[in-house]
C-alpha atoms as a PDB file:
ATOM      1  CA  MET A   1      -1.341   7.463 -23.086  1.00  0.00           C
ATOM      2  CA  ALA A   2      -3.733   4.611 -22.320  1.00  0.00           C
ATOM      3  CA  GLU A   3      -5.766   4.910 -19.125  1.00  0.00           C
ATOM      4  CA  HIS A   4      -4.152   1.822 -17.539  1.00  0.00           C
ATOM      5  CA  ASN A   5      -0.687   3.319 -18.195  1.00  0.00           C
ATOM      6  CA  LYS A   6      -1.710   6.554 -16.461  1.00  0.00           C
ATOM      7  CA  LEU A   7      -2.965   4.539 -13.491  1.00  0.00           C
ATOM      8  CA  GLY A   8       0.266   2.524 -13.413  1.00  0.00           C
ATOM      9  CA  ASN A   9       2.364   5.699 -13.438  1.00  0.00           C
ATOM     10  CA  LEU A  10       0.275   7.170 -10.612  1.00  0.00           C
ATOM     11  CA  GLY A  11       0.721   3.957  -8.647  1.00  0.00           C
ATOM     12  CA  GLU A  12       4.479   3.980  -9.073  1.00  0.00           C
ATOM     13  CA  LYS A  13       4.707   7.624  -7.970  1.00  0.00           C
ATOM     14  CA  GLU A  14       2.564   6.815  -4.935  1.00  0.00           C
ATOM     15  CA  ALA A  15       4.819   3.847  -4.111  1.00  0.00           C
ATOM     16  CA  GLN A  16       7.896   6.089  -4.359  1.00  0.00           C
ATOM     17  CA  LYS A  17       6.366   8.636  -1.965  1.00  0.00           C
ATOM     18  CA  TYR A  18       5.402   5.845   0.419  1.00  0.00           C
ATOM     19  CA  LEU A  19       8.950   4.435   0.432  1.00  0.00           C
ATOM     20  CA  GLN A  20      10.559   7.854   0.884  1.00  0.00           C
ATOM     21  CA  ASN A  21       8.229   8.565   3.825  1.00  0.00           C
ATOM     22  CA  LYS A  22       9.423   5.275   5.361  1.00  0.00           C
ATOM     23  CA  GLY A  23      13.077   6.302   5.066  1.00  0.00           C
ATOM     24  CA  TYR A  24      14.047   4.500   1.878  1.00  0.00           C
ATOM     25  CA  LYS A  25      16.488   6.108  -0.540  1.00  0.00           C
ATOM     26  CA  ILE A  26      15.244   5.740  -4.108  1.00  0.00           C
ATOM     27  CA  ARG A  27      18.177   4.693  -6.297  1.00  0.00           C
ATOM     28  CA  ASN A  28      16.355   4.152  -9.593  1.00  0.00           C
ATOM     29  CA  THR A  29      12.848   4.070 -11.008  1.00  0.00           C
ATOM     30  CA  GLY A  30      11.830   2.408 -14.240  1.00  0.00           C
ATOM     31  CA  TRP A  31      15.301   0.876 -14.623  1.00  0.00           C
ATOM     32  CA  THR A  32      15.660  -1.149 -17.816  1.00  0.00           C
ATOM     33  CA  LYS A  33      18.304  -3.178 -19.548  1.00  0.00           C
ATOM     34  CA  GLY A  34      17.168  -4.704 -22.809  1.00  0.00           C
ATOM     35  CA  LYS A  35      13.817  -6.318 -22.058  1.00  0.00           C
ATOM     36  CA  LEU A  36      14.484  -6.470 -18.321  1.00  0.00           C
ATOM     37  CA  GLU A  37      12.782  -3.939 -16.064  1.00  0.00           C
ATOM     38  CA  LEU A  38      12.682  -2.986 -12.397  1.00  0.00           C
ATOM     39  CA  ASP A  39       9.936  -0.656 -11.161  1.00  0.00           C
ATOM     40  CA  ILE A  40      11.790   0.774  -8.162  1.00  0.00           C
ATOM     41  CA  VAL A  41      15.242   0.107  -6.776  1.00  0.00           C
ATOM     42  CA  ALA A  42      15.625   1.495  -3.283  1.00  0.00           C
ATOM     43  CA  GLU A  43      18.007   1.200  -0.368  1.00  0.00           C
ATOM     44  CA  LYS A  44      17.484   1.154   3.370  1.00  0.00           C
ATOM     45  CA  ASN A  45      19.751  -0.008   6.182  1.00  0.00           C
ATOM     46  CA  ASN A  46      22.392  -1.157   3.666  1.00  0.00           C
ATOM     47  CA  ILE A  47      19.889  -3.452   1.959  1.00  0.00           C
ATOM     48  CA  LEU A  48      19.144  -3.140  -1.746  1.00  0.00           C
ATOM     49  CA  VAL A  49      15.376  -3.368  -2.112  1.00  0.00           C
ATOM     50  CA  ILE A  50      13.918  -4.368  -5.470  1.00  0.00           C
ATOM     51  CA  VAL A  51      10.281  -3.248  -5.498  1.00  0.00           C
ATOM     52  CA  GLU A  52       7.638  -4.501  -7.900  1.00  0.00           C
ATOM     53  CA  VAL A  53       4.664  -2.147  -7.993  1.00  0.00           C
ATOM     54  CA  LYS A  54       1.237  -3.467  -8.908  1.00  0.00           C
ATOM     55  CA  THR A  55      -1.554  -0.963  -9.383  1.00  0.00           C
ATOM     56  CA  ARG A  56      -5.172  -1.859 -10.068  1.00  0.00           C
ATOM     57  CA  SER A  57      -8.268   0.299 -10.261  1.00  0.00           C
ATOM     58  CA  THR A  58     -10.013  -2.161  -7.930  1.00  0.00           C
ATOM     59  CA  ASP A  59      -9.259  -5.410  -6.125  1.00  0.00           C
ATOM     60  CA  THR A  60     -12.640  -6.900  -7.097  1.00  0.00           C
ATOM     61  CA  PHE A  61     -11.222  -9.486  -9.501  1.00  0.00           C
ATOM     62  CA  GLU A  62      -7.619  -9.862  -8.454  1.00  0.00           C
ATOM     63  CA  HIS A  63      -5.585  -8.219  -5.752  1.00  0.00           C
ATOM     64  CA  PRO A  64      -2.563  -6.499  -7.334  1.00  0.00           C
ATOM     65  CA  LYS A  65      -0.060  -8.637  -5.437  1.00  0.00           C
ATOM     66  CA  ASP A  66      -1.669 -11.783  -6.872  1.00  0.00           C
ATOM     67  CA  ALA A  67      -0.680 -10.651 -10.384  1.00  0.00           C
ATOM     68  CA  ILE A  68       2.949 -11.591  -9.731  1.00  0.00           C
ATOM     69  CA  THR A  69       3.374 -14.949 -11.407  1.00  0.00           C
ATOM     70  CA  PRO A  70       6.374 -17.297 -11.194  1.00  0.00           C
ATOM     71  CA  ARG A  71       7.398 -16.070 -14.665  1.00  0.00           C
ATOM     72  CA  LYS A  72       7.249 -12.438 -13.457  1.00  0.00           C
ATOM     73  CA  ILE A  73       9.356 -13.368 -10.429  1.00  0.00           C
ATOM     74  CA  LYS A  74      11.942 -14.959 -12.721  1.00  0.00           C
ATOM     75  CA  ASN A  75      12.075 -11.782 -14.831  1.00  0.00           C
ATOM     76  CA  ILE A  76      12.469  -9.588 -11.742  1.00  0.00           C
ATOM     77  CA  VAL A  77      15.256 -11.805 -10.397  1.00  0.00           C
ATOM     78  CA  ASN A  78      17.058 -11.727 -13.758  1.00  0.00           C
ATOM     79  CA  ALA A  79      16.727  -7.938 -13.905  1.00  0.00           C
ATOM     80  CA  ALA A  80      17.983  -7.641 -10.314  1.00  0.00           C
ATOM     81  CA  HIS A  81      21.006  -9.754 -11.193  1.00  0.00           C
ATOM     82  CA  GLU A  82      21.830  -7.415 -14.088  1.00  0.00           C
ATOM     83  CA  TYR A  83      21.330  -4.363 -11.861  1.00  0.00           C
ATOM     84  CA  ILE A  84      23.563  -5.794  -9.126  1.00  0.00           C
ATOM     85  CA  THR A  85      26.251  -6.601 -11.666  1.00  0.00           C
ATOM     86  CA  GLU A  86      26.055  -3.186 -13.341  1.00  0.00           C
ATOM     87  CA  TYR A  87      26.219  -1.242 -10.068  1.00  0.00           C
ATOM     88  CA  GLU A  88      28.589  -3.713  -8.375  1.00  0.00           C
ATOM     89  CA  TRP A  89      26.288  -4.105  -5.366  1.00  0.00           C
ATOM     90  CA  ASP A  90      27.900  -6.351  -2.774  1.00  0.00           C
ATOM     91  CA  GLY A  91      25.329  -6.296   0.001  1.00  0.00           C
ATOM     92  CA  GLU A  92      22.073  -7.945   0.919  1.00  0.00           C
ATOM     93  CA  THR A  93      19.174  -7.792  -1.530  1.00  0.00           C
ATOM     94  CA  ARG A  94      15.479  -8.055  -0.781  1.00  0.00           C
ATOM     95  CA  PHE A  95      12.442  -8.325  -3.052  1.00  0.00           C
ATOM     96  CA  ASP A  96       9.322  -6.395  -2.030  1.00  0.00           C
ATOM     97  CA  VAL A  97       5.920  -5.868  -3.592  1.00  0.00           C
ATOM     98  CA  ILE A  98       3.849  -2.729  -3.213  1.00  0.00           C
ATOM     99  CA  SER A  99       0.231  -2.871  -4.268  1.00  0.00           C
ATOM    100  CA  VAL A 100      -1.602   0.377  -4.925  1.00  0.00           C
ATOM    101  CA  ILE A 101      -5.368   0.697  -5.274  1.00  0.00           C
ATOM    102  CA  PRO A 102      -7.142   4.056  -5.686  1.00  0.00           C
ATOM    103  CA  ASN A 103      -9.698   4.892  -3.008  1.00  0.00           C
ATOM    104  CA  GLY A 104     -11.406   8.150  -3.946  1.00  0.00           C
ATOM    105  CA  GLN A 105      -8.737  10.856  -3.971  1.00  0.00           C
ATOM    106  CA  GLN A 106      -6.403   8.703  -1.852  1.00  0.00           C
ATOM    107  CA  PHE A 107      -4.591   5.408  -2.417  1.00  0.00           C
ATOM    108  CA  ILE A 108      -4.520   2.210  -0.419  1.00  0.00           C
ATOM    109  CA  VAL A 109      -0.867   1.152  -0.304  1.00  0.00           C
ATOM    110  CA  GLU A 110       0.181  -2.284   0.900  1.00  0.00           C
ATOM    111  CA  HIS A 111       3.897  -2.990   1.296  1.00  0.00           C
ATOM    112  CA  ILE A 112       4.943  -6.625   1.422  1.00  0.00           C
ATOM    113  CA  GLU A 113       8.574  -7.017   2.461  1.00  0.00           C
ATOM    114  CA  ASP A 114      10.430 -10.189   1.431  1.00  0.00           C
ATOM    115  CA  ALA A 115       7.587 -10.992  -0.944  1.00  0.00           C
ATOM    116  CA  PHE A 116       9.667 -13.723  -2.529  1.00  0.00           C
ATOM    117  CA  ILE A 117      13.152 -15.088  -2.123  1.00  0.00           C
ATOM    118  CA  SER A 118      15.565 -15.730  -4.957  1.00  0.00           C
ATOM    119  CA  PRO A 119      17.872 -18.729  -4.658  1.00  0.00           C
ATOM    120  CA  THR A 120      20.490 -16.840  -6.726  1.00  0.00           C
ATOM    121  CA  PHE A 121      21.222 -14.213  -4.042  1.00  0.00           C
END
């Protein structure tokens, strides 16, 4: 496995732990349908939370959250629509971003709620 994939997997596991510690129920991780993908699908207070996880070894060049382009947002929204349809979710949906940056043996985790809003929900 490539080093950046290992780091990405570590970041996603760290994001899952962070969310669980904050009272979120993890519904799915690494959910895919065709070419569509959602990193983490969680639920809290009857809100479906679609979480995009961005992990970088450093924030020197680009903060992880800044790597989410309009095209990436469109892909996440399309994937969320498929997920909602498949699981017949009929409640509120929110899009969050969690950035994870290693700091020695620890991680710096930043959780941005309502990171972007989809006009389709």
